[in-house]
Each structure stands twice: as C-alpha cells, then as structure tokens.
Amino acid sequence: MELNIGIKAEDRDEIATGLSRLLADSYSLYLKTHNYHWNVEGPMFSTLHQMFETQYTELATAVDEIAERIRTLGVKAPGSYTAFAKLSTIGEASGDESAEDMIRELVLGQEAVARTAREVFPAADAANDEPTADLLTQRMQIHEKTAWMLRSMLA
C-alpha cells in the first residue's frame, strides 16, 4: 500500500536521511559507552561502571525508537556497522583510555549526537512532522543533560 501520513515523500526521505545519521551516531555512542563500561579502571570504577551502564541502556532504547521512526516514514533504516561507519560522526574507542579520557570522549559523543538531532529538526519542523520533532527534542534534552553530568565529573 502507498504510504499517506500527510508528509510528502521527498520530505519523508529528507527527514529519514537525517534520522539515519542520528541512528548511526547513537549506535556508535552506544558501542563506545558499552566498551568503556567493560574496560574502565581506577578509583572511580564502580561509579563509572554503573553510570556507563545506565547510559548505554538508555541508548539501546533510543536506537530502536529512531529506527522505528525511520521505518514509519517509509524508509529502510540502516543496520550494519558498514552503514553506521559511513554515517556516524563518532569515532571508535579502544577501551585503553584512562577513566578521565573516557569521560571526555563521552562528553564529546553526547554533544555530537545532540548536534545531529538539532540538524535534523528544521526538516521535521518544516514538514509538520510533530512525532519526529518530539523524538528529536527528547534526544537533544537527554544528550545535553548527559553531557553536562559527565562534564561535571571533570571539574
């Protein structure tokens, strides 16, 4: 059946392209955060191990919501490491970083995902795609707050 949700096909494609970048950034940040959860060491181990688990668990839920929104718009969601590597602005981590460097890297990653969400917002807003705009607003709030909390640990 033809998709008719009140958003033009070209607008849906543009929004889905932006959401695909958000999905790739979110998944890449999920993977980095999970890596750090496994490999963090030092005096802040327990605190960071738990914090990173909370963060990667939240990201796991987010990637599903983002991918499902892409599908709702009638577009296939990217779902491979190759596709994510092409779309993501977030680099890989070795897991050998110091705890402080892990925190710094995650601040940068959280801020990058917030920026990506913000970049997609105008297309969703212009197309009156309120569900996507709501998703993006929620993602920006979560990533900005998480970046602030992580950054506070470095003060």
C-alpha atoms as a PDB file:
ATOM      1  CA  MET A   1       0.000   0.000   0.000  1.00  0.00           C
ATOM      2  CA  GLU A   2       1.039   3.549  -0.593  1.00  0.00           C
ATOM      3  CA  LEU A   3       2.086   5.497   2.485  1.00  0.00           C
ATOM      4  CA  ASN A   4      -0.088   8.565   3.129  1.00  0.00           C
ATOM      5  CA  ILE A   5       0.561  10.112   6.550  1.00  0.00           C
ATOM      6  CA  GLY A   6       0.330  13.731   5.405  1.00  0.00           C
ATOM      7  CA  ILE A   7       4.056  14.228   4.783  1.00  0.00           C
ATOM      8  CA  LYS A   8       5.304  14.431   1.207  1.00  0.00           C
ATOM      9  CA  ALA A   9       7.575  11.595   0.050  1.00  0.00           C
ATOM     10  CA  GLU A  10      10.533  13.905  -0.561  1.00  0.00           C
ATOM     11  CA  ASP A  11      10.141  15.396   2.927  1.00  0.00           C
ATOM     12  CA  ARG A  12       9.939  11.918   4.461  1.00  0.00           C
ATOM     13  CA  ASP A  13      13.121  10.945   2.613  1.00  0.00           C
ATOM     14  CA  GLU A  14      14.971  14.052   3.805  1.00  0.00           C
ATOM     15  CA  ILE A  15      13.881  13.504   7.399  1.00  0.00           C
ATOM     16  CA  ALA A  16      14.743   9.802   7.253  1.00  0.00           C
ATOM     17  CA  THR A  17      18.194  10.628   5.894  1.00  0.00           C
ATOM     18  CA  GLY A  18      18.810  12.879   8.885  1.00  0.00           C
ATOM     19  CA  LEU A  19      17.378  10.304  11.273  1.00  0.00           C
ATOM     20  CA  SER A  20      19.708   7.705   9.741  1.00  0.00           C
ATOM     21  CA  ARG A  21      22.654   9.901  10.717  1.00  0.00           C
ATOM     22  CA  LEU A  22      21.166  10.239  14.215  1.00  0.00           C
ATOM     23  CA  LEU A  23      20.757   6.474  14.389  1.00  0.00           C
ATOM     24  CA  ALA A  24      24.372   5.917  13.330  1.00  0.00           C
ATOM     25  CA  ASP A  25      25.683   8.452  15.854  1.00  0.00           C
ATOM     26  CA  SER A  26      23.504   6.997  18.609  1.00  0.00           C
ATOM     27  CA  TYR A  27      24.555   3.429  17.865  1.00  0.00           C
ATOM     28  CA  SER A  28      28.221   4.415  17.680  1.00  0.00           C
ATOM     29  CA  LEU A  29      27.920   6.204  21.024  1.00  0.00           C
ATOM     30  CA  TYR A  30      26.140   3.149  22.440  1.00  0.00           C
ATOM     31  CA  LEU A  31      29.021   0.924  21.367  1.00  0.00           C
ATOM     32  CA  LYS A  32      31.657   3.310  22.733  1.00  0.00           C
ATOM     33  CA  THR A  33      29.817   3.645  26.048  1.00  0.00           C
ATOM     34  CA  HIS A  34      29.437  -0.126  26.360  1.00  0.00           C
ATOM     35  CA  ASN A  35      33.153  -0.552  25.583  1.00  0.00           C
ATOM     36  CA  TYR A  36      34.000   1.905  28.358  1.00  0.00           C
ATOM     37  CA  HIS A  37      31.619   0.141  30.759  1.00  0.00           C
ATOM     38  CA  TRP A  38      33.571  -3.084  30.219  1.00  0.00           C
ATOM     39  CA  ASN A  39      37.043  -1.550  30.313  1.00  0.00           C
ATOM     40  CA  VAL A  40      37.020   1.345  32.786  1.00  0.00           C
ATOM     41  CA  GLU A  41      39.577   1.092  35.582  1.00  0.00           C
ATOM     42  CA  GLY A  42      40.724   3.168  38.509  1.00  0.00           C
ATOM     43  CA  PRO A  43      39.381   4.737  41.683  1.00  0.00           C
ATOM     44  CA  MET A  44      36.097   5.774  40.004  1.00  0.00           C
ATOM     45  CA  PHE A  45      35.486   2.257  38.619  1.00  0.00           C
ATOM     46  CA  SER A  46      32.237   1.490  40.432  1.00  0.00           C
ATOM     47  CA  THR A  47      30.681   4.905  39.802  1.00  0.00           C
ATOM     48  CA  LEU A  48      31.663   4.976  36.134  1.00  0.00           C
ATOM     49  CA  HIS A  49      30.818   1.322  35.514  1.00  0.00           C
ATOM     50  CA  GLN A  50      27.267   1.942  36.774  1.00  0.00           C
ATOM     51  CA  MET A  51      26.928   5.309  35.039  1.00  0.00           C
ATOM     52  CA  PHE A  52      28.072   3.928  31.704  1.00  0.00           C
ATOM     53  CA  GLU A  53      25.597   1.038  32.038  1.00  0.00           C
ATOM     54  CA  THR A  54      22.746   3.484  32.606  1.00  0.00           C
ATOM     55  CA  GLN A  55      23.855   5.469  29.563  1.00  0.00           C
ATOM     56  CA  TYR A  56      24.267   2.553  27.166  1.00  0.00           C
ATOM     57  CA  THR A  57      20.927   1.083  28.299  1.00  0.00           C
ATOM     58  CA  GLU A  58      19.222   4.381  27.502  1.00  0.00           C
ATOM     59  CA  LEU A  59      20.970   4.497  24.115  1.00  0.00           C
ATOM     60  CA  ALA A  60      19.851   0.938  23.308  1.00  0.00           C
ATOM     61  CA  THR A  61      16.243   2.033  23.720  1.00  0.00           C
ATOM     62  CA  ALA A  62      16.885   5.192  21.705  1.00  0.00           C
ATOM     63  CA  VAL A  63      18.327   3.416  18.663  1.00  0.00           C
ATOM     64  CA  ASP A  64      15.205   1.271  18.464  1.00  0.00           C
ATOM     65  CA  GLU A  65      12.926   4.323  18.660  1.00  0.00           C
ATOM     66  CA  ILE A  66      14.924   6.172  15.993  1.00  0.00           C
ATOM     67  CA  ALA A  67      14.996   3.169  13.641  1.00  0.00           C
ATOM     68  CA  GLU A  68      11.263   2.626  14.087  1.00  0.00           C
ATOM     69  CA  ARG A  69      10.591   6.279  13.255  1.00  0.00           C
ATOM     70  CA  ILE A  70      12.626   5.897  10.038  1.00  0.00           C
ATOM     71  CA  ARG A  71      10.513   2.850   9.158  1.00  0.00           C
ATOM     72  CA  THR A  72       7.315   4.740   9.996  1.00  0.00           C
ATOM     73  CA  LEU A  73       8.368   7.313   7.408  1.00  0.00           C
ATOM     74  CA  GLY A  74       8.541   4.523   4.824  1.00  0.00           C
ATOM     75  CA  VAL A  75      12.325   4.272   4.558  1.00  0.00           C
ATOM     76  CA  LYS A  76      14.641   1.365   5.393  1.00  0.00           C
ATOM     77  CA  ALA A  77      16.750   2.007   8.493  1.00  0.00           C
ATOM     78  CA  PRO A  78      20.499   1.418   8.240  1.00  0.00           C
ATOM     79  CA  GLY A  79      21.545  -1.515  10.357  1.00  0.00           C
ATOM     80  CA  SER A  80      25.122  -2.535   9.674  1.00  0.00           C
ATOM     81  CA  TYR A  81      28.494  -1.475  11.017  1.00  0.00           C
ATOM     82  CA  THR A  82      29.461  -0.505   7.456  1.00  0.00           C
ATOM     83  CA  ALA A  83      26.444   1.782   7.097  1.00  0.00           C
ATOM     84  CA  PHE A  84      26.918   3.254  10.561  1.00  0.00           C
ATOM     85  CA  ALA A  85      30.616   3.915   9.898  1.00  0.00           C
ATOM     86  CA  LYS A  86      29.714   5.887   6.759  1.00  0.00           C
ATOM     87  CA  LEU A  87      27.030   7.922   8.520  1.00  0.00           C
ATOM     88  CA  SER A  88      28.425   8.499  12.013  1.00  0.00           C
ATOM     89  CA  THR A  89      30.476  11.425  13.262  1.00  0.00           C
ATOM     90  CA  ILE A  90      31.571   9.456  16.349  1.00  0.00           C
ATOM     91  CA  GLY A  91      34.879   7.608  16.207  1.00  0.00           C
ATOM     92  CA  GLU A  92      35.668   4.246  17.719  1.00  0.00           C
ATOM     93  CA  ALA A  93      37.328   3.729  21.081  1.00  0.00           C
ATOM     94  CA  SER A  94      39.990   1.226  22.029  1.00  0.00           C
ATOM     95  CA  GLY A  95      38.940   0.832  25.662  1.00  0.00           C
ATOM     96  CA  ASP A  96      42.535   1.560  26.708  1.00  0.00           C
ATOM     97  CA  GLU A  97      41.723   5.182  27.545  1.00  0.00           C
ATOM     98  CA  SER A  98      42.062   6.434  31.104  1.00  0.00           C
ATOM     99  CA  ALA A  99      38.818   6.884  33.036  1.00  0.00           C
ATOM    100  CA  GLU A 100      39.137  10.648  32.653  1.00  0.00           C
ATOM    101  CA  ASP A 101      39.684  10.357  28.902  1.00  0.00           C
ATOM    102  CA  MET A 102      36.667   8.053  28.661  1.00  0.00           C
ATOM    103  CA  ILE A 103      34.552  10.727  30.323  1.00  0.00           C
ATOM    104  CA  ARG A 104      35.909  13.378  27.941  1.00  0.00           C
ATOM    105  CA  GLU A 105      35.214  11.161  24.917  1.00  0.00           C
ATOM    106  CA  LEU A 106      31.668  10.533  26.080  1.00  0.00           C
ATOM    107  CA  VAL A 107      31.057  14.251  26.611  1.00  0.00           C
ATOM    108  CA  LEU A 108      32.135  14.844  23.022  1.00  0.00           C
ATOM    109  CA  GLY A 109      29.961  11.967  21.830  1.00  0.00           C
ATOM    110  CA  GLN A 110      26.878  13.126  23.720  1.00  0.00           C
ATOM    111  CA  GLU A 111      27.327  16.635  22.330  1.00  0.00           C
ATOM    112  CA  ALA A 112      27.794  15.268  18.795  1.00  0.00           C
ATOM    113  CA  VAL A 113      24.523  13.333  18.990  1.00  0.00           C
ATOM    114  CA  ALA A 114      22.728  16.433  20.296  1.00  0.00           C
ATOM    115  CA  ARG A 115      24.100  18.438  17.349  1.00  0.00           C
ATOM    116  CA  THR A 116      22.986  15.797  14.870  1.00  0.00           C
ATOM    117  CA  ALA A 117      19.474  15.795  16.335  1.00  0.00           C
ATOM    118  CA  ARG A 118      19.415  19.590  16.150  1.00  0.00           C
ATOM    119  CA  GLU A 119      20.496  19.499  12.480  1.00  0.00           C
ATOM    120  CA  VAL A 120      17.573  17.209  11.588  1.00  0.00           C
ATOM    121  CA  PHE A 121      14.981  19.300  13.429  1.00  0.00           C
ATOM    122  CA  PRO A 122      14.395  22.009  10.762  1.00  0.00           C
ATOM    123  CA  ALA A 123      13.372  19.434   8.132  1.00  0.00           C
ATOM    124  CA  ALA A 124      10.936  17.776  10.541  1.00  0.00           C
ATOM    125  CA  ASP A 125       9.557  21.135  11.636  1.00  0.00           C
ATOM    126  CA  ALA A 126       9.128  22.386   8.056  1.00  0.00           C
ATOM    127  CA  ALA A 127       7.201  19.214   7.136  1.00  0.00           C
ATOM    128  CA  ASN A 128       4.959  19.475  10.234  1.00  0.00           C
ATOM    129  CA  ASP A 129       6.321  16.103  11.338  1.00  0.00           C
ATOM    130  CA  GLU A 130       5.491  16.505  15.001  1.00  0.00           C
ATOM    131  CA  PRO A 131       6.338  12.919  16.021  1.00  0.00           C
ATOM    132  CA  THR A 132       9.868  13.277  14.639  1.00  0.00           C
ATOM    133  CA  ALA A 133      10.211  16.766  16.141  1.00  0.00           C
ATOM    134  CA  ASP A 134       9.154  15.342  19.512  1.00  0.00           C
ATOM    135  CA  LEU A 135      11.654  12.486  19.229  1.00  0.00           C
ATOM    136  CA  LEU A 136      14.422  14.918  18.304  1.00  0.00           C
ATOM    137  CA  THR A 137      13.556  17.263  21.177  1.00  0.00           C
ATOM    138  CA  GLN A 138      13.695  14.369  23.627  1.00  0.00           C
ATOM    139  CA  ARG A 139      17.027  13.180  22.234  1.00  0.00           C
ATOM    140  CA  MET A 140      18.542  16.674  22.475  1.00  0.00           C
ATOM    141  CA  GLN A 141      17.396  17.041  26.085  1.00  0.00           C
ATOM    142  CA  ILE A 142      18.806  13.664  27.101  1.00  0.00           C
ATOM    143  CA  HIS A 143      22.169  14.113  25.352  1.00  0.00           C
ATOM    144  CA  GLU A 144      22.671  17.680  26.556  1.00  0.00           C
ATOM    145  CA  LYS A 145      21.877  16.680  30.158  1.00  0.00           C
ATOM    146  CA  THR A 146      24.127  13.611  29.988  1.00  0.00           C
ATOM    147  CA  ALA A 147      26.973  15.706  28.558  1.00  0.00           C
ATOM    148  CA  TRP A 148      26.549  18.190  31.416  1.00  0.00           C
ATOM    149  CA  MET A 149      26.642  15.423  34.030  1.00  0.00           C
ATOM    150  CA  LEU A 150      29.738  13.862  32.514  1.00  0.00           C
ATOM    151  CA  ARG A 151      31.424  17.258  32.113  1.00  0.00           C
ATOM    152  CA  SER A 152      30.728  17.975  35.800  1.00  0.00           C
ATOM    153  CA  MET A 153      32.852  14.967  36.734  1.00  0.00           C
ATOM    154  CA  LEU A 154      35.838  16.642  35.084  1.00  0.00           C
ATOM    155  CA  ALA A 155      35.538  19.915  37.014  1.00  0.00           C
END
